[in-house]
């Protein structure tokens, strides 16, 4: 009886993995790379773990106060003809991350560097102009 339950669970796990493995081909986000976000005076720093990605596989966009990080990682099959996968634990497919920045970014000064599998993004914010306005007080009539 217990053996049957484990057998059914194993079968269910296989079916779920099979179903999920088809998502990248359907254009659905297949994974979320880990992100660290730091705030420094006047800017935000974002580090994204992207091992195995090339620059041409990535796209960064700013829309209003949001940063969009998009990418695609394909399975490299060069030289592996005739191989059947036994285990596939590395992440492949499409992803998209959206990060709310909270302030207006200075889009002219944004920098992004991909180094050793880590995408480092530096987003400075526009300087908020502090204006001093005197408000006149009047007497009630």
Protein backbone atom coordinates (compact mmCIF):
# COMPACT_ATOMS: atom_id res chain seq x y z
CA UNK A 1 0.00 0.00 0.00
CA UNK A 2 2.72 2.51 0.99
CA UNK A 3 4.77 1.42 -2.00
CA UNK A 4 1.81 2.26 -4.27
CA UNK A 5 1.54 5.75 -2.80
CA UNK A 6 5.24 6.45 -3.40
CA UNK A 7 4.94 5.04 -6.91
CA UNK A 8 2.00 7.38 -7.63
CA UNK A 9 3.83 10.37 -6.14
CA UNK A 10 6.89 9.63 -8.28
CA UNK A 11 4.67 9.36 -11.36
CA UNK A 12 2.97 12.68 -10.48
CA UNK A 13 6.36 14.35 -9.98
CA UNK A 14 7.47 13.14 -13.45
CA UNK A 15 4.31 14.49 -15.05
CA UNK A 16 4.68 17.89 -13.37
CA UNK A 17 8.33 18.15 -14.42
CA UNK A 18 7.39 17.23 -17.98
CA UNK A 19 4.63 19.85 -18.01
CA UNK A 20 6.90 22.55 -16.59
CA UNK A 21 9.71 21.73 -19.03
CA UNK A 22 7.41 22.71 -21.89
CA UNK A 23 6.87 26.27 -20.59
CA UNK A 24 10.03 27.82 -22.10
CA UNK A 25 8.92 26.74 -25.56
CA UNK A 26 5.54 28.35 -24.95
CA UNK A 27 7.22 31.69 -24.14
CA UNK A 28 6.26 31.67 -20.46
CA UNK A 29 8.76 32.75 -17.83
CA UNK A 30 10.55 29.62 -16.74
CA UNK A 31 12.68 30.88 -13.85
CA UNK A 32 13.58 33.90 -11.75
CA UNK A 33 17.29 34.64 -11.40
CA UNK A 34 18.21 35.77 -7.87
CA UNK A 35 18.56 39.50 -7.40
CA UNK A 36 20.23 41.65 -4.73
CA UNK A 37 19.21 45.30 -4.48
CA UNK A 38 21.20 47.91 -2.57
CA UNK A 39 20.49 51.58 -2.03
CA UNK A 40 23.31 54.06 -1.85
CA UNK A 41 22.87 57.80 -1.52
CA UNK A 42 21.33 58.98 -4.76
CA UNK A 43 21.36 55.62 -6.56
CA UNK A 44 20.32 52.00 -6.50
CA UNK A 45 22.58 49.02 -7.28
CA UNK A 46 21.15 45.74 -8.56
CA UNK A 47 23.09 42.49 -8.88
CA UNK A 48 21.53 39.64 -10.88
CA UNK A 49 23.02 36.12 -10.99
CA UNK A 50 23.04 35.10 -14.67
CA UNK A 51 25.65 32.36 -15.15
CA UNK A 52 25.97 31.23 -18.75
CA UNK A 53 24.22 34.28 -20.23
CA UNK A 54 25.70 36.38 -23.01
CA UNK A 55 25.05 40.10 -23.43
CA UNK A 56 23.00 39.49 -26.58
CA UNK A 57 20.64 37.24 -24.54
CA UNK A 58 19.69 40.11 -22.20
CA UNK A 59 17.55 43.21 -22.48
CA UNK A 60 17.16 46.06 -19.98
CA UNK A 61 14.41 48.67 -20.18
CA UNK A 62 13.24 51.55 -18.03
CA UNK A 63 9.57 52.45 -18.18
CA UNK A 64 8.47 55.23 -15.87
CA UNK A 65 9.80 54.17 -12.44
CA UNK A 66 10.25 50.46 -13.30
CA UNK A 67 13.29 48.52 -14.45
CA UNK A 68 12.59 45.49 -16.65
CA UNK A 69 15.26 42.79 -16.89
CA UNK A 70 14.54 40.21 -19.61
CA UNK A 71 16.57 37.32 -20.91
CA UNK A 72 16.65 34.00 -22.71
CA UNK A 73 19.02 31.13 -22.06
CA UNK A 74 19.04 28.33 -24.60
CA UNK A 75 20.32 24.83 -24.09
CA UNK A 76 23.73 24.54 -25.77
CA UNK A 77 23.57 21.34 -27.82
CA UNK A 78 26.63 21.90 -29.96
CA UNK A 79 28.67 18.73 -30.20
CA UNK A 80 26.14 16.74 -28.16
CA UNK A 81 24.22 15.06 -30.97
CA UNK A 82 22.57 11.79 -30.00
CA UNK A 83 22.64 12.48 -26.25
CA UNK A 84 19.50 11.94 -24.20
CA UNK A 85 19.05 13.97 -21.04
CA UNK A 86 18.97 11.94 -17.84
CA UNK A 87 19.01 14.92 -15.51
CA UNK A 88 18.54 18.59 -16.36
CA UNK A 89 18.93 20.83 -13.31
CA UNK A 90 20.39 23.96 -14.90
CA UNK A 91 17.87 26.69 -15.73
CA UNK A 92 16.97 27.40 -19.36
CA UNK A 93 14.27 29.41 -21.04
CA UNK A 94 12.92 32.92 -20.69
CA UNK A 95 12.68 35.18 -17.70
CA UNK A 96 11.46 38.66 -16.91
CA UNK A 97 11.93 40.62 -13.70
CA UNK A 98 10.31 43.97 -12.94
CA UNK A 99 11.71 46.16 -10.20
CA UNK A 100 9.93 49.25 -8.89
CA UNK A 101 12.54 51.94 -8.38
CA UNK A 102 10.43 54.35 -6.34
CA UNK A 103 12.10 57.46 -7.77
CA UNK A 104 12.71 58.92 -11.20
CA UNK A 105 15.91 57.38 -12.65
CA UNK A 106 18.49 59.49 -14.46
CA UNK A 107 18.42 57.41 -17.64
CA UNK A 108 21.46 59.17 -19.11
CA UNK A 109 23.70 57.83 -16.33
CA UNK A 110 22.51 54.21 -15.96
CA UNK A 111 25.30 51.62 -16.27
CA UNK A 112 25.08 47.85 -16.71
CA UNK A 113 28.05 45.46 -16.71
CA UNK A 114 27.98 41.67 -17.18
CA UNK A 115 31.00 40.11 -15.48
CA UNK A 116 31.61 36.50 -14.47
CA UNK A 117 27.91 35.61 -14.61
CA UNK A 118 26.73 38.60 -12.58
CA UNK A 119 24.88 41.53 -14.14
CA UNK A 120 25.65 44.70 -12.18
CA UNK A 121 23.26 47.59 -12.75
CA UNK A 122 23.78 51.07 -11.31
CA UNK A 123 20.81 53.42 -11.52
CA UNK A 124 21.33 56.97 -10.30
CA UNK A 125 18.23 59.01 -9.53
CA UNK A 126 17.48 62.49 -10.80
CA UNK A 127 18.29 65.13 -8.25
CA UNK A 128 15.15 66.31 -6.58
CA UNK A 129 15.16 70.06 -6.54
CA UNK A 130 14.26 71.41 -3.17
CA UNK A 131 12.39 74.62 -3.60
CA UNK A 132 11.58 76.97 -0.83
CA UNK A 133 8.27 78.72 -1.23
CA UNK A 134 6.95 81.28 1.21
CA UNK A 135 3.24 80.96 1.83
CA UNK A 136 1.50 84.21 2.66
CA UNK A 137 -0.86 84.20 5.61
CA UNK A 138 -3.86 86.41 5.56
CA UNK A 139 -6.32 87.38 8.22
CA UNK A 140 -9.81 86.07 8.23
CA UNK A 141 -12.30 88.66 7.16
